[in-house]
N, C-alpha and C. Protein backbone atom coordinates (compact mmCIF):
# COMPACT_ATOMS: atom_id res chain seq x y z
N UNK A 1 0.80 -1.07 -0.48
CA UNK A 1 -0.11 0.07 0.21
C UNK A 1 1.12 0.88 0.02
N UNK A 2 0.83 2.63 -1.02
CA UNK A 2 1.47 3.12 -1.18
C UNK A 2 0.92 4.29 -0.83
N UNK A 3 -0.14 4.81 0.40
CA UNK A 3 -0.82 5.55 0.30
C UNK A 3 -0.13 6.64 0.97
N UNK A 4 1.03 6.19 1.89
CA UNK A 4 1.63 7.05 3.02
C UNK A 4 2.48 7.68 1.73
N UNK A 5 3.48 6.78 0.98
CA UNK A 5 4.41 7.10 0.13
C UNK A 5 3.74 8.76 -1.08
N UNK A 6 2.73 8.09 -1.34
CA UNK A 6 1.62 9.35 -1.82
C UNK A 6 1.58 10.80 -1.41
N UNK A 7 1.21 10.23 -0.24
CA UNK A 7 0.47 11.81 0.69
C UNK A 7 1.89 12.30 0.64
N UNK A 8 3.06 11.24 1.19
CA UNK A 8 4.29 12.42 1.61
C UNK A 8 5.28 12.92 0.29
N UNK A 9 4.31 12.24 -1.08
CA UNK A 9 4.96 12.78 -2.46
C UNK A 9 4.40 14.34 -2.60
N UNK A 10 3.04 14.62 -1.95
CA UNK A 10 2.32 15.75 -2.42
C UNK A 10 2.97 16.83 -1.71
N UNK A 11 3.99 16.86 -1.07
CA UNK A 11 4.38 17.72 -0.42
C UNK A 11 5.25 18.85 -1.68
N UNK A 12 4.81 19.94 -2.33
CA UNK A 12 5.94 20.30 -3.10
C UNK A 12 5.65 21.35 -2.64
N UNK A 13 6.60 22.34 -3.54
CA UNK A 13 6.93 23.76 -3.04
C UNK A 13 5.99 24.50 -2.12
N UNK A 14 5.90 23.57 -0.87
CA UNK A 14 5.98 24.14 0.29
C UNK A 14 3.93 24.41 0.25
N UNK A 15 3.74 22.93 -0.30
CA UNK A 15 2.03 22.76 -0.30
C UNK A 15 1.69 21.20 0.35
N UNK A 16 1.37 21.46 1.72
CA UNK A 16 1.42 20.91 2.90
C UNK A 16 -0.60 20.14 2.88
N UNK A 17 -0.74 19.18 2.25
CA UNK A 17 -2.17 18.11 2.51
C UNK A 17 -2.38 17.81 4.07
N UNK A 18 -2.64 18.37 4.56
CA UNK A 18 -3.40 18.12 6.08
C UNK A 18 -4.42 17.42 5.52
N UNK A 19 -4.58 16.04 6.92
CA UNK A 19 -5.38 15.26 6.56
C UNK A 19 -5.38 14.79 8.41
N UNK A 20 -6.85 13.50 8.18
CA UNK A 20 -6.94 13.32 9.77
C UNK A 20 -6.39 11.89 9.63
N UNK A 21 -5.64 10.85 10.11
CA UNK A 21 -5.05 9.60 10.15
C UNK A 21 -5.69 9.06 12.04
N UNK A 22 -5.86 7.83 11.37
CA UNK A 22 -6.07 7.27 12.24
C UNK A 22 -5.23 5.74 12.79
N UNK A 23 -5.10 5.89 13.73
CA UNK A 23 -3.85 4.50 13.88
C UNK A 23 -4.87 3.34 14.89
N UNK A 24 -4.77 2.34 14.45
CA UNK A 24 -5.33 0.93 15.30
C UNK A 24 -4.33 0.26 15.77
N UNK A 25 -4.61 0.10 17.37
CA UNK A 25 -3.51 -1.08 18.13
C UNK A 25 -4.94 -2.28 17.60
N UNK A 26 -3.99 -3.55 17.37
CA UNK A 26 -5.24 -4.42 17.13
C UNK A 26 -4.61 -5.69 18.26
N UNK A 27 -5.65 -6.39 18.08
CA UNK A 27 -5.74 -7.70 19.12
C UNK A 27 -4.86 -8.79 17.86
N UNK A 28 -4.82 -10.48 18.50
CA UNK A 28 -4.75 -11.19 17.76
C UNK A 28 -5.81 -11.41 16.91
N UNK A 29 -6.75 -11.24 16.94
CA UNK A 29 -8.41 -11.58 16.51
C UNK A 29 -8.27 -10.18 15.56
N UNK A 30 -7.39 -9.58 15.57
CA UNK A 30 -7.81 -7.96 14.38
C UNK A 30 -8.56 -7.16 15.32
N UNK A 31 -9.10 -7.19 16.25
CA UNK A 31 -9.76 -6.24 16.80
C UNK A 31 -9.16 -4.85 17.55
N UNK A 32 -9.99 -3.77 17.42
CA UNK A 32 -9.09 -2.53 17.74
C UNK A 32 -9.16 -2.63 19.05
N UNK A 33 -7.83 -2.62 19.69
CA UNK A 33 -7.74 -2.47 20.95
C UNK A 33 -7.48 -0.78 22.19
N UNK A 34 -7.08 0.19 20.37
CA UNK A 34 -7.29 1.62 21.23
C UNK A 34 -6.79 2.05 19.53
N UNK A 35 -7.35 3.28 19.81
CA UNK A 35 -7.67 4.00 18.37
C UNK A 35 -6.56 5.29 19.09
N UNK A 36 -5.86 5.74 17.39
CA UNK A 36 -5.40 7.09 17.92
C UNK A 36 -6.08 7.76 16.76
N UNK A 37 -6.34 8.93 16.54
CA UNK A 37 -6.88 9.98 15.57
C UNK A 37 -6.20 10.99 15.76
N UNK A 38 -5.41 11.06 14.49
CA UNK A 38 -4.64 12.58 14.29
C UNK A 38 -5.44 13.76 13.53
N UNK A 39 -5.79 14.60 14.44
CA UNK A 39 -6.27 16.08 13.03
C UNK A 39 -5.71 16.60 12.51
N UNK A 40 -5.83 16.69 11.69
CA UNK A 40 -4.85 18.19 10.44
C UNK A 40 -3.28 17.61 10.01
N UNK A 41 -2.99 16.47 10.44
CA UNK A 41 -1.62 15.46 10.50
C UNK A 41 -1.33 15.73 9.26
N UNK A 42 0.04 15.46 8.70
CA UNK A 42 0.62 15.73 7.77
C UNK A 42 2.24 15.14 7.82
N UNK A 43 2.85 14.48 7.01
CA UNK A 43 4.00 13.38 7.24
C UNK A 43 5.22 14.89 7.01
N UNK A 44 6.35 14.65 8.17
CA UNK A 44 7.64 15.45 8.66
C UNK A 44 9.07 14.83 7.97
N UNK A 45 8.52 13.75 7.99
CA UNK A 45 9.94 12.81 7.30
C UNK A 45 9.70 11.34 7.30
N UNK A 46 10.11 10.58 6.32
CA UNK A 46 10.33 9.19 6.38
C UNK A 46 11.80 8.72 6.48
N UNK A 47 12.10 7.45 6.95
CA UNK A 47 13.72 7.11 6.94
C UNK A 47 13.20 5.19 6.48
N UNK A 48 14.15 4.99 6.15
CA UNK A 48 13.84 3.38 5.69
C UNK A 48 15.88 2.61 6.19
N UNK A 49 15.61 1.75 6.16
CA UNK A 49 16.84 0.91 6.46
C UNK A 49 17.97 0.94 5.19
N UNK A 50 19.01 1.16 5.69
CA UNK A 50 20.19 0.94 4.35
C UNK A 50 19.99 -0.45 3.95
N UNK A 51 20.04 -0.89 3.31
CA UNK A 51 19.58 -2.05 2.49
C UNK A 51 21.44 -2.94 1.70
N UNK A 52 21.51 -3.06 2.61
CA UNK A 52 23.20 -3.87 2.31
C UNK A 52 22.89 -5.69 1.38
N UNK A 53 23.64 -4.97 0.95
CA UNK A 53 23.52 -6.67 0.15
C UNK A 53 24.13 -7.95 1.12
N UNK A 54 25.37 -7.51 1.78
CA UNK A 54 26.00 -8.50 2.61
C UNK A 54 24.59 -8.81 4.15
N UNK A 55 23.69 -7.76 4.46
CA UNK A 55 23.76 -8.00 5.46
C UNK A 55 22.06 -8.89 5.39
N UNK A 56 21.75 -8.68 7.21
CA UNK A 56 20.97 -9.55 7.31
C UNK A 56 19.65 -9.15 8.21
N UNK A 57 19.69 -7.79 8.82
CA UNK A 57 18.90 -6.54 9.26
C UNK A 57 17.59 -6.83 8.76
N UNK A 58 16.49 -6.57 9.80
CA UNK A 58 15.30 -6.42 9.15
C UNK A 58 15.09 -5.13 8.56
N UNK A 59 14.36 -5.29 7.53
CA UNK A 59 13.94 -4.07 7.00
C UNK A 59 12.71 -3.05 7.96
N UNK A 60 13.19 -1.34 8.44
CA UNK A 60 12.21 -0.83 8.80
C UNK A 60 12.20 0.50 8.18
N UNK A 61 10.83 0.57 7.97
CA UNK A 61 10.42 2.13 7.58
C UNK A 61 9.34 2.91 8.51
N UNK A 62 10.48 3.89 8.71
CA UNK A 62 9.59 4.55 10.00
C UNK A 62 8.97 6.04 9.34
N UNK A 63 7.88 6.25 9.84
CA UNK A 63 7.33 8.06 9.43
C UNK A 63 7.30 8.91 10.68
N UNK A 64 7.34 10.31 10.72
CA UNK A 64 7.05 11.28 11.71
C UNK A 64 5.74 11.75 11.06
N UNK A 65 4.73 12.01 11.59
CA UNK A 65 3.62 12.95 11.44
C UNK A 65 3.64 14.31 12.53
N UNK A 66 3.44 15.25 11.79
CA UNK A 66 3.28 16.42 12.80
C UNK A 66 1.34 16.69 13.23
N UNK A 67 0.60 16.71 13.78
CA UNK A 67 -0.72 17.26 13.98
C UNK A 67 -1.23 17.98 14.74
N UNK A 68 -2.35 18.14 14.43
CA UNK A 68 -2.53 19.63 15.70
C UNK A 68 -3.98 18.96 16.19
N UNK A 69 -3.92 17.69 16.52
CA UNK A 69 -5.22 17.51 17.72
C UNK A 69 -4.71 16.03 17.78
N UNK A 70 -4.94 15.43 18.75
CA UNK A 70 -5.33 14.00 19.18
C UNK A 70 -6.12 13.72 19.78
N UNK A 71 -6.50 12.68 19.78
CA UNK A 71 -8.08 11.72 20.23
C UNK A 71 -7.32 10.13 20.15
N UNK A 72 -7.60 10.13 21.97
CA UNK A 72 -7.59 8.64 22.15
C UNK A 72 -9.08 7.69 22.04
N UNK A 73 -8.54 6.59 22.36
CA UNK A 73 -9.89 5.77 22.13
C UNK A 73 -9.85 4.66 22.34
N UNK A 74 -10.66 3.65 23.51
CA UNK A 74 -11.08 2.98 24.06
C UNK A 74 -11.96 1.85 24.04
N UNK A 75 -12.17 0.56 23.34
CA UNK A 75 -13.27 0.28 23.19
C UNK A 75 -13.90 0.01 23.86
């Protein structure tokens, strides 16, 4: 799913598209345990692991998101 990359790619000429981001923490049955809702959020940084041909580390990508409001909910 490239939605984060597409969103990040829209930042051009200091035009930032702010959206609502919903993050769900799921249990083993894929039911939400906790939900974070970020209001007027925009990506500030995306980083990825250096891919080395002789390495065996796990590839991890991270995204930093700034926002103008946070709501936390539990079921």
